[in-house]
Amino acid sequence: MGIAEYVEGWEPGPVEVREVLDRVPSDSFAGLLDQTSPIDATGQGSTAIPPLWTAFHFLDRPATAELGEDGHPREGHFLPPIPNRRRMFAGGRLIVHSPLRVGDEVTRRSALSSITPKSGRSGDMLFVTLTHEYLRAGEVAQVEEHDVVYREQEPGAARAAAPAAPEPREPEPPAPGEWQAVLRPDEVLLFRMSALTYNAHRIHHDLPYTRDVEGFPGLVVHGPLLALMLLELPRRFAPDRQVAEFSYRLRRPAFAGAPVVATGKPDGSDLVCGVPGADPSITGQVTFA
């Protein structure tokens, strides 16, 4: 039975959740990055939450009994009904009409945008796009799309195209006029990222499982963390410029134990992040307001 048959007639409806945004998630993620919080502690400065940092506010919190053997929920409103399901974050897009701020009451309206079955080197895959609208006082402030790839894999089965972990290399100094931000992901940093996002997926914290069941050579750096590293470039080097649009694509996994470097140009183009000397793990582009 192919993946397309499993999802025939699968049409989950939209879901709305409401949150009052506070500063704690921003403070926490800034600490993970060894950065000063973007939220002004005096209450006199900026209260704007950086783009994509909403990931730390709107969390799914399944009960432990609802988790599968991979640490990911067995069932979920937007999880396709595929047996032995494996999930990979593939990319996304963001449109910012206006910043979200600490104290805002925000409704996130989520809907399934598309389902596309495909076949590749690793077998049948299902490409799913979810759209999240963030509404404040009934007006859409931001729109975010997530592309997620699902495939079927028996536990312990070898990956058809298992990626190799590149040799760790120290980053070179940035070229003149180039933005650069460095992240050194280790087991502790990945654990803290999982905790901030309530993500129990074992590929980020359980090395024997990651190697023996999922077929990766090491603990996997969260895809959203790589996307956030791209956005660290304009946040750190052009703090007075507002991001209007952001698009990104995950191209290959990054693993704990090797530094990953985000680089880009001051116009927001050619944003890349990955291990020095290897092909990028993620590429993206920013458009400024």
Protein backbone atom coordinates (compact mmCIF):
# COMPACT_ATOMS: atom_id res chain seq x y z
CA MET A 1 0.00 0.00 0.00
CA GLY A 2 1.50 3.33 -1.07
CA ILE A 3 1.60 6.55 0.93
CA ALA A 4 -0.95 8.19 -1.37
CA GLU A 5 -3.51 5.51 -0.48
CA TYR A 6 -3.03 6.01 3.26
CA VAL A 7 -3.95 9.70 3.02
CA GLU A 8 -6.79 9.36 0.53
CA GLY A 9 -9.69 11.34 1.99
CA TRP A 10 -7.55 12.77 4.79
CA GLU A 11 -8.75 16.37 5.15
CA PRO A 12 -8.20 17.76 8.66
CA GLY A 13 -9.95 21.06 9.27
CA PRO A 14 -8.36 24.28 10.56
CA VAL A 15 -7.46 24.73 14.22
CA GLU A 16 -7.24 27.92 16.30
CA VAL A 17 -5.29 28.46 19.52
CA ARG A 18 -4.87 31.65 21.52
CA GLU A 19 -1.86 32.85 23.52
CA VAL A 20 -0.91 36.01 25.39
CA LEU A 21 2.73 36.58 24.47
CA ASP A 22 5.18 37.02 27.33
CA ARG A 23 8.91 37.67 27.39
CA VAL A 24 10.14 34.43 28.97
CA PRO A 25 10.51 32.41 25.73
CA SER A 26 12.52 35.22 24.11
CA ASP A 27 14.74 35.56 27.16
CA SER A 28 15.28 31.79 27.15
CA PHE A 29 16.18 31.44 23.48
CA ALA A 30 18.50 34.44 23.63
CA GLY A 31 20.28 32.72 26.52
CA LEU A 32 20.66 29.55 24.47
CA LEU A 33 22.41 31.63 21.79
CA ASP A 34 24.56 33.51 24.34
CA GLN A 35 22.85 36.71 23.22
CA THR A 36 21.20 39.55 25.10
CA SER A 37 17.43 39.26 25.13
CA PRO A 38 15.77 41.36 22.41
CA ILE A 39 13.06 42.33 24.90
CA ASP A 40 14.00 45.46 26.82
CA ALA A 41 14.01 44.75 30.56
CA THR A 42 13.17 48.35 31.53
CA GLY A 43 9.90 48.42 29.62
CA GLN A 44 11.05 51.57 27.85
CA GLY A 45 12.52 49.91 24.73
CA SER A 46 11.50 47.27 22.20
CA THR A 47 8.92 44.63 23.10
CA ALA A 48 8.82 43.17 19.56
CA ILE A 49 9.30 39.41 19.31
CA PRO A 50 11.80 38.60 16.51
CA PRO A 51 10.47 36.83 13.40
CA LEU A 52 9.92 33.08 13.86
CA TRP A 53 10.44 33.30 17.63
CA THR A 54 6.71 32.55 17.83
CA ALA A 55 7.92 28.94 17.66
CA PHE A 56 8.58 29.20 21.41
CA HIS A 57 5.06 30.42 22.23
CA PHE A 58 2.61 28.20 20.34
CA LEU A 59 3.58 24.75 21.56
CA ASP A 60 1.92 21.37 21.22
CA ARG A 61 1.95 19.67 24.63
CA PRO A 62 0.93 16.03 24.20
CA ALA A 63 0.78 13.73 27.20
CA THR A 64 3.63 11.25 27.57
CA ALA A 65 1.23 8.38 26.84
CA GLU A 66 0.49 9.97 23.45
CA LEU A 67 4.10 9.77 22.24
CA GLY A 68 5.38 7.14 19.82
CA GLU A 69 8.64 5.21 20.10
CA ASP A 70 10.44 8.05 18.31
CA GLY A 71 9.33 10.60 20.92
CA HIS A 72 7.04 12.29 18.39
CA PRO A 73 3.26 12.16 18.94
CA ARG A 74 1.70 8.98 17.55
CA GLU A 75 -1.42 10.84 16.52
CA GLY A 76 -2.18 14.47 15.84
CA HIS A 77 -4.65 16.64 13.98
CA PHE A 78 -2.18 17.44 11.17
CA LEU A 79 -0.13 14.21 11.28
CA PRO A 80 -0.88 12.05 8.22
CA PRO A 81 -2.09 8.48 8.94
CA ILE A 82 1.07 6.73 7.69
CA PRO A 83 2.45 3.62 9.45
CA ASN A 84 6.06 3.77 10.72
CA ARG A 85 5.97 7.49 10.01
CA ARG A 86 9.24 9.44 9.83
CA ARG A 87 9.15 13.23 9.75
CA MET A 88 11.56 15.79 8.30
CA PHE A 89 11.20 19.56 8.39
CA ALA A 90 11.90 20.78 4.84
CA GLY A 91 11.50 24.56 4.79
CA GLY A 92 9.05 27.39 4.93
CA ARG A 93 8.10 30.97 4.30
CA LEU A 94 7.15 33.94 6.49
CA ILE A 95 5.33 37.18 5.72
CA VAL A 96 5.45 39.91 8.36
CA HIS A 97 2.77 42.59 8.08
CA SER A 98 3.53 43.93 11.55
CA PRO A 99 5.61 42.79 14.54
CA LEU A 100 4.07 40.80 17.38
CA ARG A 101 4.85 42.21 20.82
CA VAL A 102 5.03 41.08 24.41
CA GLY A 103 1.55 41.48 25.91
CA ASP A 104 -0.30 40.91 22.63
CA GLU A 105 -3.18 38.44 22.67
CA VAL A 106 -2.62 36.45 19.49
CA THR A 107 -4.71 33.80 17.78
CA ARG A 108 -2.90 31.31 15.57
CA ARG A 109 -5.14 29.84 12.89
CA SER A 110 -3.56 26.70 11.37
CA ALA A 111 -4.74 24.91 8.24
CA LEU A 112 -3.55 22.21 5.88
CA SER A 113 -2.58 23.90 2.62
CA SER A 114 -1.40 21.01 0.43
CA ILE A 115 -0.59 17.30 0.35
CA THR A 116 1.67 16.00 -2.43
CA PRO A 117 2.82 12.35 -2.66
CA LYS A 118 6.17 11.85 -4.43
CA SER A 119 8.77 9.13 -4.96
CA GLY A 120 12.50 9.63 -4.45
CA ARG A 121 15.73 7.80 -3.68
CA SER A 122 14.48 6.96 -0.19
CA GLY A 123 11.12 5.69 -1.45
CA ASP A 124 7.63 7.15 -1.28
CA MET A 125 7.32 10.51 0.45
CA LEU A 126 4.48 12.83 1.36
CA PHE A 127 5.03 16.59 1.20
CA VAL A 128 2.69 18.47 3.54
CA THR A 129 2.37 22.26 3.82
CA LEU A 130 0.74 23.88 6.84
CA THR A 131 -0.22 27.55 6.95
CA HIS A 132 -0.31 29.45 10.24
CA GLU A 133 -1.96 32.86 10.40
CA TYR A 134 -1.20 34.99 13.47
CA LEU A 135 -4.09 37.35 14.21
CA ARG A 136 -4.13 40.26 16.63
CA ALA A 137 -7.44 42.05 17.23
CA GLY A 138 -8.86 40.14 14.26
CA GLU A 139 -6.18 41.36 11.83
CA VAL A 140 -3.54 39.09 10.29
CA ALA A 141 -0.15 40.27 11.57
CA GLN A 142 1.99 37.45 10.18
CA VAL A 143 1.62 34.39 7.96
CA GLU A 144 3.93 31.41 8.23
CA GLU A 145 4.09 28.29 6.06
CA HIS A 146 5.85 25.05 7.05
CA ASP A 147 6.85 22.35 4.57
CA VAL A 148 7.18 18.92 6.16
CA VAL A 149 8.17 15.64 4.48
CA TYR A 150 6.90 12.30 5.75
CA ARG A 151 8.03 8.84 4.71
CA GLU A 152 7.46 5.29 5.85
CA GLN A 153 10.41 3.44 7.42
CA GLU A 154 10.43 0.29 9.49
CA PRO A 155 12.32 0.67 12.80
CA GLY A 156 15.98 -0.23 12.28
CA ALA A 157 15.76 -0.13 8.49
CA ALA A 158 18.72 1.51 6.78
CA ARG A 159 18.14 4.81 5.04
CA ALA A 160 18.33 4.63 1.25
CA ALA A 161 20.40 7.82 1.20
CA ALA A 162 21.91 8.14 4.66
CA PRO A 163 23.81 11.44 4.95
CA ALA A 164 27.39 11.44 6.16
CA ALA A 165 28.56 13.74 8.92
CA PRO A 166 31.22 16.12 7.56
CA GLU A 167 34.48 16.57 9.44
CA PRO A 168 34.31 19.45 11.95
CA ARG A 169 36.19 22.53 10.78
CA GLU A 170 36.66 25.91 12.36
CA PRO A 171 34.97 28.74 10.45
CA GLU A 172 37.01 31.20 8.42
CA PRO A 173 36.66 34.92 9.23
CA PRO A 174 33.83 36.58 7.28
CA ALA A 175 34.61 38.20 3.96
CA PRO A 176 34.58 42.03 3.88
CA GLY A 177 30.99 43.25 4.16
CA GLU A 178 29.67 39.75 4.92
CA TRP A 179 27.45 38.89 7.86
CA GLN A 180 28.45 35.87 9.94
CA ALA A 181 27.04 34.10 13.00
CA VAL A 182 28.45 30.88 14.49
CA LEU A 183 26.59 28.19 16.44
CA ARG A 184 28.33 25.28 18.16
CA PRO A 185 25.63 22.65 18.67
CA ASP A 186 26.35 19.99 21.24
CA GLU A 187 24.16 17.60 23.21
CA VAL A 188 23.34 20.23 25.84
CA LEU A 189 22.37 22.92 23.33
CA LEU A 190 20.13 20.50 21.41
CA PHE A 191 18.53 19.39 24.68
CA ARG A 192 17.78 23.02 25.59
CA MET A 193 16.30 23.67 22.13
CA SER A 194 14.08 20.60 22.49
CA ALA A 195 12.98 21.78 25.92
CA LEU A 196 12.11 25.28 24.66
CA THR A 197 9.92 23.82 21.91
CA TYR A 198 8.52 20.89 23.93
CA ASN A 199 9.97 18.60 21.27
CA ALA A 200 10.71 15.07 22.50
CA HIS A 201 11.85 13.68 19.14
CA ARG A 202 14.73 11.33 19.95
CA ILE A 203 16.88 12.28 16.94
CA HIS A 204 17.85 15.41 18.90
CA HIS A 205 18.85 13.78 22.22
CA ASP A 206 19.15 9.96 21.96
CA LEU A 207 22.28 8.99 20.00
CA PRO A 208 21.78 5.17 19.96
CA TYR A 209 18.22 5.61 18.68
CA THR A 210 19.33 8.22 16.14
CA ARG A 211 22.00 5.90 14.71
CA ASP A 212 20.35 2.50 15.01
CA VAL A 213 16.73 3.32 14.18
CA GLU A 214 16.72 6.52 12.12
CA GLY A 215 20.05 5.87 10.36
CA PHE A 216 21.71 9.24 11.07
CA PRO A 217 25.41 9.42 11.98
CA GLY A 218 24.85 11.77 14.93
CA LEU A 219 22.33 13.84 16.85
CA VAL A 220 20.42 16.05 14.42
CA VAL A 221 20.32 19.83 14.78
CA HIS A 222 16.71 21.04 14.72
CA GLY A 223 15.67 22.39 11.32
CA PRO A 224 13.86 25.38 12.87
CA LEU A 225 17.06 26.23 14.78
CA LEU A 226 18.95 26.44 11.48
CA ALA A 227 16.24 28.72 10.07
CA LEU A 228 16.49 30.90 13.16
CA MET A 229 20.27 31.12 12.66
CA LEU A 230 19.66 32.62 9.22
CA LEU A 231 17.42 35.24 10.81
CA GLU A 232 20.08 35.96 13.43
CA LEU A 233 22.04 37.69 10.66
CA PRO A 234 19.63 40.60 10.07
CA ARG A 235 18.68 40.62 13.78
CA ARG A 236 22.29 41.11 14.87
CA PHE A 237 23.68 43.18 12.00
CA ALA A 238 20.66 45.21 10.83
CA PRO A 239 18.51 45.61 13.97
CA ASP A 240 16.83 48.75 12.66
CA ARG A 241 15.53 47.07 9.51
CA GLN A 242 12.23 45.17 9.67
CA VAL A 243 12.02 41.78 8.00
CA ALA A 244 9.01 41.76 5.67
CA GLU A 245 9.47 38.30 4.12
CA PHE A 246 11.67 35.30 4.73
CA SER A 247 11.93 32.04 2.79
CA TYR A 248 14.20 29.09 3.47
CA ARG A 249 14.86 25.53 2.41
CA LEU A 250 16.50 22.71 4.39
CA ARG A 251 18.95 20.86 2.15
CA ARG A 252 20.85 18.44 4.37
CA PRO A 253 20.99 17.66 8.09
CA ALA A 254 23.55 19.18 10.44
CA PHE A 255 24.81 17.18 13.38
CA ALA A 256 26.02 17.88 16.90
CA GLY A 257 29.77 18.20 17.37
CA ALA A 258 30.59 20.44 14.42
CA PRO A 259 30.20 24.24 14.30
CA VAL A 260 27.60 25.59 11.90
CA VAL A 261 28.10 28.99 10.36
CA ALA A 262 25.42 31.33 9.01
CA THR A 263 26.57 33.88 6.42
CA GLY A 264 24.79 36.40 4.24
CA LYS A 265 24.92 39.72 2.46
CA PRO A 266 23.61 43.00 3.90
CA ASP A 267 20.80 43.07 1.34
CA GLY A 268 19.39 39.85 2.85
CA SER A 269 20.24 37.64 -0.12
CA ASP A 270 22.31 34.46 -0.28
CA LEU A 271 21.74 33.46 3.34
CA VAL A 272 23.34 30.07 4.02
CA CYS A 273 24.08 28.02 7.10
CA GLY A 274 26.04 24.83 7.43
CA VAL A 275 29.29 23.16 8.41
CA PRO A 276 32.39 24.87 6.96
CA GLY A 277 33.72 23.01 3.95
CA ALA A 278 30.46 21.13 3.28
CA ASP A 279 27.35 21.87 1.27
CA PRO A 280 24.91 24.17 3.12
CA SER A 281 22.36 22.64 5.45
CA ILE A 282 19.92 25.48 4.78
CA THR A 283 19.60 28.39 2.37
CA GLY A 284 17.31 31.39 2.56
CA GLN A 285 16.52 34.95 1.65
CA VAL A 286 15.16 37.96 3.51
CA THR A 287 13.21 40.88 2.07
CA PHE A 288 13.21 44.05 4.17
CA ALA A 289 10.28 46.41 4.58
